[in-house]
């Protein structure tokens, strides 16, 4: 039983890891996509990290 567990452990470790989530878009892109960026300051939620 222990050997089977080791084989399963090695098998799952050798599997490719799931791809990481895509990075969030840059802040400048969010500000540019904001409809209020041309008429006034961008929303605070966009500037906050």
PDB file of N, CA and C in Angstrom:
ATOM      1  N   UNK A   1       0.832  -1.208   0.000  1.00  0.00           N
ATOM      2  CA  UNK A   1       0.000   0.000   0.000  1.00  0.00           C
ATOM      3  C   UNK A   1       0.867   1.259   0.000  1.00  0.00           C
ATOM      4  N   UNK A   2       1.943   1.226   0.735  1.00  0.00           N
ATOM      5  CA  UNK A   2       2.817   2.393   0.775  1.00  0.00           C
ATOM      6  C   UNK A   2       3.445   2.640  -0.592  1.00  0.00           C
ATOM      7  N   UNK A   3       3.781   1.566  -1.291  1.00  0.00           N
ATOM      8  CA  UNK A   3       4.400   1.740  -2.617  1.00  0.00           C
ATOM      9  C   UNK A   3       3.392   2.383  -3.573  1.00  0.00           C
ATOM     10  N   UNK A   4       2.135   1.982  -3.479  1.00  0.00           N
ATOM     11  CA  UNK A   4       1.122   2.573  -4.362  1.00  0.00           C
ATOM     12  C   UNK A   4       0.991   4.066  -4.066  1.00  0.00           C
ATOM     13  N   UNK A   5       1.025   4.423  -2.785  1.00  0.00           N
ATOM     14  CA  UNK A   5       0.916   5.839  -2.443  1.00  0.00           C
ATOM     15  C   UNK A   5       2.099   6.616  -3.011  1.00  0.00           C
ATOM     16  N   UNK A   6       3.280   6.044  -2.920  1.00  0.00           N
ATOM     17  CA  UNK A   6       4.462   6.735  -3.450  1.00  0.00           C
ATOM     18  C   UNK A   6       4.335   6.895  -4.963  1.00  0.00           C
ATOM     19  N   UNK A   7       3.853   5.838  -5.635  1.00  0.00           N
ATOM     20  CA  UNK A   7       3.710   5.935  -7.091  1.00  0.00           C
ATOM     21  C   UNK A   7       2.671   6.997  -7.455  1.00  0.00           C
ATOM     22  N   UNK A   8       1.569   7.043  -6.715  1.00  0.00           N
ATOM     23  CA  UNK A   8       0.561   8.062  -6.999  1.00  0.00           C
ATOM     24  C   UNK A   8       1.119   9.450  -6.727  1.00  0.00           C
ATOM     25  N   UNK A   9       1.905   9.568  -5.665  1.00  0.00           N
ATOM     26  CA  UNK A   9       2.485  10.872  -5.337  1.00  0.00           C
ATOM     27  C   UNK A   9       3.417  11.334  -6.451  1.00  0.00           C
ATOM     28  N   UNK A  10       4.265  10.430  -6.925  1.00  0.00           N
ATOM     29  CA  UNK A  10       5.190  10.796  -8.004  1.00  0.00           C
ATOM     30  C   UNK A  10       4.402  11.091  -9.283  1.00  0.00           C
ATOM     31  N   UNK A  11       3.338  10.325  -9.519  1.00  0.00           N
ATOM     32  CA  UNK A  11       2.549  10.537 -10.737  1.00  0.00           C
ATOM     33  C   UNK A  11       1.899  11.916 -10.721  1.00  0.00           C
ATOM     34  N   UNK A  12       1.303  12.279  -9.588  1.00  0.00           N
ATOM     35  CA  UNK A  12       0.639  13.579  -9.527  1.00  0.00           C
ATOM     36  C   UNK A  12       1.646  14.718  -9.504  1.00  0.00           C
ATOM     37  N   UNK A  13       2.825  14.476  -8.931  1.00  0.00           N
ATOM     38  CA  UNK A  13       3.839  15.527  -8.926  1.00  0.00           C
ATOM     39  C   UNK A  13       4.376  15.771 -10.337  1.00  0.00           C
ATOM     40  N   UNK A  14       4.368  14.731 -11.171  1.00  0.00           N
ATOM     41  CA  UNK A  14       4.914  14.886 -12.518  1.00  0.00           C
ATOM     42  C   UNK A  14       3.907  15.526 -13.468  1.00  0.00           C
ATOM     43  N   UNK A  15       2.661  15.620 -13.055  1.00  0.00           N
ATOM     44  CA  UNK A  15       1.660  16.244 -13.916  1.00  0.00           C
ATOM     45  C   UNK A  15       1.939  17.741 -14.043  1.00  0.00           C
ATOM     46  N   UNK A  16       1.683  18.323 -15.189  1.00  0.00           N
ATOM     47  CA  UNK A  16       1.890  19.774 -15.318  1.00  0.00           C
ATOM     48  C   UNK A  16       0.931  20.520 -14.407  1.00  0.00           C
ATOM     49  N   UNK A  17       1.440  21.516 -13.754  1.00  0.00           N
ATOM     50  CA  UNK A  17       0.596  22.291 -12.848  1.00  0.00           C
ATOM     51  C   UNK A  17      -0.394  23.123 -13.657  1.00  0.00           C
ATOM     52  N   UNK A  18      -1.563  23.410 -13.106  1.00  0.00           N
ATOM     53  CA  UNK A  18      -2.522  24.241 -13.845  1.00  0.00           C
ATOM     54  C   UNK A  18      -1.938  25.616 -14.110  1.00  0.00           C
ATOM     55  N   UNK A  19      -2.281  26.224 -15.223  1.00  0.00           N
ATOM     56  CA  UNK A  19      -1.702  27.535 -15.549  1.00  0.00           C
ATOM     57  C   UNK A  19      -2.109  28.570 -14.514  1.00  0.00           C
ATOM     58  N   UNK A  20      -1.234  29.475 -14.173  1.00  0.00           N
ATOM     59  CA  UNK A  20      -1.587  30.507 -13.195  1.00  0.00           C
ATOM     60  C   UNK A  20      -2.643  31.443 -13.769  1.00  0.00           C
ATOM     61  N   UNK A  21      -3.436  32.074 -12.929  1.00  0.00           N
ATOM     62  CA  UNK A  21      -4.447  33.000 -13.440  1.00  0.00           C
ATOM     63  C   UNK A  21      -3.784  34.160 -14.164  1.00  0.00           C
ATOM     64  N   UNK A  22      -4.413  34.684 -15.192  1.00  0.00           N
ATOM     65  CA  UNK A  22      -3.793  35.788 -15.935  1.00  0.00           C
ATOM     66  C   UNK A  22      -3.606  36.996 -15.036  1.00  0.00           C
ATOM     67  N   UNK A  23      -2.538  37.740 -15.212  1.00  0.00           N
ATOM     68  CA  UNK A  23      -2.311  38.917 -14.364  1.00  0.00           C
ATOM     69  C   UNK A  23      -3.372  39.977 -14.629  1.00  0.00           C
ATOM     70  N   UNK A  24      -3.699  40.777 -13.640  1.00  0.00           N
ATOM     71  CA  UNK A  24      -4.694  41.827 -13.861  1.00  0.00           C
ATOM     72  C   UNK A  24      -4.186  42.841 -14.874  1.00  0.00           C
ATOM     73  N   UNK A  25      -5.076  43.464 -15.621  1.00  0.00           N
ATOM     74  CA  UNK A  25      -4.632  44.452 -16.612  1.00  0.00           C
ATOM     75  C   UNK A  25      -3.966  45.631 -15.925  1.00  0.00           C
ATOM     76  N   UNK A  26      -3.064  46.313 -16.599  1.00  0.00           N
ATOM     77  CA  UNK A  26      -2.389  47.451 -15.984  1.00  0.00           C
ATOM     78  C   UNK A  26      -3.382  48.538 -15.595  1.00  0.00           C
ATOM     79  N   UNK A  27      -2.975  49.346 -14.629  1.00  0.00           N
ATOM     80  CA  UNK A  27      -3.878  50.395 -14.132  1.00  0.00           C
ATOM     81  C   UNK A  27      -4.158  51.420 -15.233  1.00  0.00           C
ATOM     82  N   UNK A  28      -3.154  51.717 -16.059  1.00  0.00           N
ATOM     83  CA  UNK A  28      -3.365  52.709 -17.115  1.00  0.00           C
ATOM     84  C   UNK A  28      -4.438  52.222 -18.089  1.00  0.00           C
ATOM     85  N   UNK A  29      -4.500  50.896 -18.317  1.00  0.00           N
ATOM     86  CA  UNK A  29      -5.539  50.372 -19.203  1.00  0.00           C
ATOM     87  C   UNK A  29      -6.918  50.563 -18.571  1.00  0.00           C
ATOM     88  N   UNK A  30      -7.016  50.336 -17.241  1.00  0.00           N
ATOM     89  CA  UNK A  30      -8.311  50.524 -16.581  1.00  0.00           C
ATOM     90  C   UNK A  30      -8.730  51.983 -16.628  1.00  0.00           C
ATOM     91  N   UNK A  31      -7.759  52.891 -16.433  1.00  0.00           N
ATOM     92  CA  UNK A  31      -8.091  54.316 -16.471  1.00  0.00           C
ATOM     93  C   UNK A  31      -8.521  54.711 -17.885  1.00  0.00           C
ATOM     94  N   UNK A  32      -7.827  54.170 -18.891  1.00  0.00           N
ATOM     95  CA  UNK A  32      -8.182  54.498 -20.263  1.00  0.00           C
ATOM     96  C   UNK A  32      -9.563  53.929 -20.599  1.00  0.00           C
ATOM     97  N   UNK A  33      -9.875  52.750 -20.048  1.00  0.00           N
ATOM     98  CA  UNK A  33     -11.166  52.132 -20.355  1.00  0.00           C
ATOM     99  C   UNK A  33     -12.306  52.769 -19.570  1.00  0.00           C
ATOM    100  N   UNK A  34     -11.956  53.563 -18.550  1.00  0.00           N
ATOM    101  CA  UNK A  34     -13.014  54.197 -17.754  1.00  0.00           C
ATOM    102  C   UNK A  34     -13.685  55.297 -18.574  1.00  0.00           C
ATOM    103  N   UNK A  35     -15.009  55.340 -18.589  1.00  0.00           N
ATOM    104  CA  UNK A  35     -15.685  56.378 -19.388  1.00  0.00           C
ATOM    105  C   UNK A  35     -15.505  57.773 -18.812  1.00  0.00           C
ATOM    106  N   UNK A  36     -15.186  57.881 -17.502  1.00  0.00           N
ATOM    107  CA  UNK A  36     -15.042  59.198 -16.887  1.00  0.00           C
ATOM    108  C   UNK A  36     -13.615  59.712 -16.948  1.00  0.00           C
ATOM    109  N   UNK A  37     -12.700  58.969 -17.582  1.00  0.00           N
ATOM    110  CA  UNK A  37     -11.299  59.384 -17.566  1.00  0.00           C
ATOM    111  C   UNK A  37     -11.092  60.627 -18.428  1.00  0.00           C
ATOM    112  N   UNK A  38     -11.970  60.877 -19.401  1.00  0.00           N
ATOM    113  CA  UNK A  38     -11.769  62.021 -20.284  1.00  0.00           C
ATOM    114  C   UNK A  38     -12.417  63.275 -19.712  1.00  0.00           C
ATOM    115  N   UNK A  39     -13.450  63.113 -18.874  1.00  0.00           N
ATOM    116  CA  UNK A  39     -14.171  64.287 -18.375  1.00  0.00           C
ATOM    117  C   UNK A  39     -13.697  64.701 -16.993  1.00  0.00           C
ATOM    118  N   UNK A  40     -13.023  63.831 -16.278  1.00  0.00           N
ATOM    119  CA  UNK A  40     -12.599  64.191 -14.929  1.00  0.00           C
ATOM    120  C   UNK A  40     -11.627  63.158 -14.386  1.00  0.00           C
ATOM    121  N   UNK A  41     -11.323  63.242 -13.113  1.00  0.00           N
ATOM    122  CA  UNK A  41     -10.403  62.275 -12.522  1.00  0.00           C
ATOM    123  C   UNK A  41     -10.998  60.872 -12.559  1.00  0.00           C
ATOM    124  N   UNK A  42     -10.179  59.866 -12.687  1.00  0.00           N
ATOM    125  CA  UNK A  42     -10.692  58.488 -12.732  1.00  0.00           C
ATOM    126  C   UNK A  42     -11.275  58.096 -11.378  1.00  0.00           C
ATOM    127  N   UNK A  43     -12.112  57.086 -11.335  1.00  0.00           N
ATOM    128  CA  UNK A  43     -12.699  56.642 -10.067  1.00  0.00           C
ATOM    129  C   UNK A  43     -11.613  56.199  -9.094  1.00  0.00           C
ATOM    130  N   UNK A  44     -11.887  56.352  -7.807  1.00  0.00           N
ATOM    131  CA  UNK A  44     -10.890  55.979  -6.805  1.00  0.00           C
ATOM    132  C   UNK A  44     -10.633  54.478  -6.824  1.00  0.00           C
ATOM    133  N   UNK A  45     -11.642  53.695  -7.169  1.00  0.00           N
ATOM    134  CA  UNK A  45     -11.463  52.247  -7.169  1.00  0.00           C
ATOM    135  C   UNK A  45     -10.432  51.832  -8.211  1.00  0.00           C
ATOM    136  N   UNK A  46     -10.254  52.629  -9.262  1.00  0.00           N
ATOM    137  CA  UNK A  46      -9.285  52.281 -10.301  1.00  0.00           C
ATOM    138  C   UNK A  46      -7.875  52.625  -9.843  1.00  0.00           C
ATOM    139  N   UNK A  47      -7.729  53.732  -9.122  1.00  0.00           N
ATOM    140  CA  UNK A  47      -6.384  54.153  -8.716  1.00  0.00           C
ATOM    141  C   UNK A  47      -5.869  53.277  -7.578  1.00  0.00           C
ATOM    142  N   UNK A  48      -6.764  52.842  -6.697  1.00  0.00           N
ATOM    143  CA  UNK A  48      -6.317  52.034  -5.552  1.00  0.00           C
ATOM    144  C   UNK A  48      -5.672  50.743  -6.024  1.00  0.00           C
ATOM    145  N   UNK A  49      -4.577  50.324  -5.422  1.00  0.00           N
ATOM    146  CA  UNK A  49      -3.938  49.060  -5.820  1.00  0.00           C
ATOM    147  C   UNK A  49      -4.789  47.870  -5.416  1.00  0.00           C
TER     148      UNK A  49
END
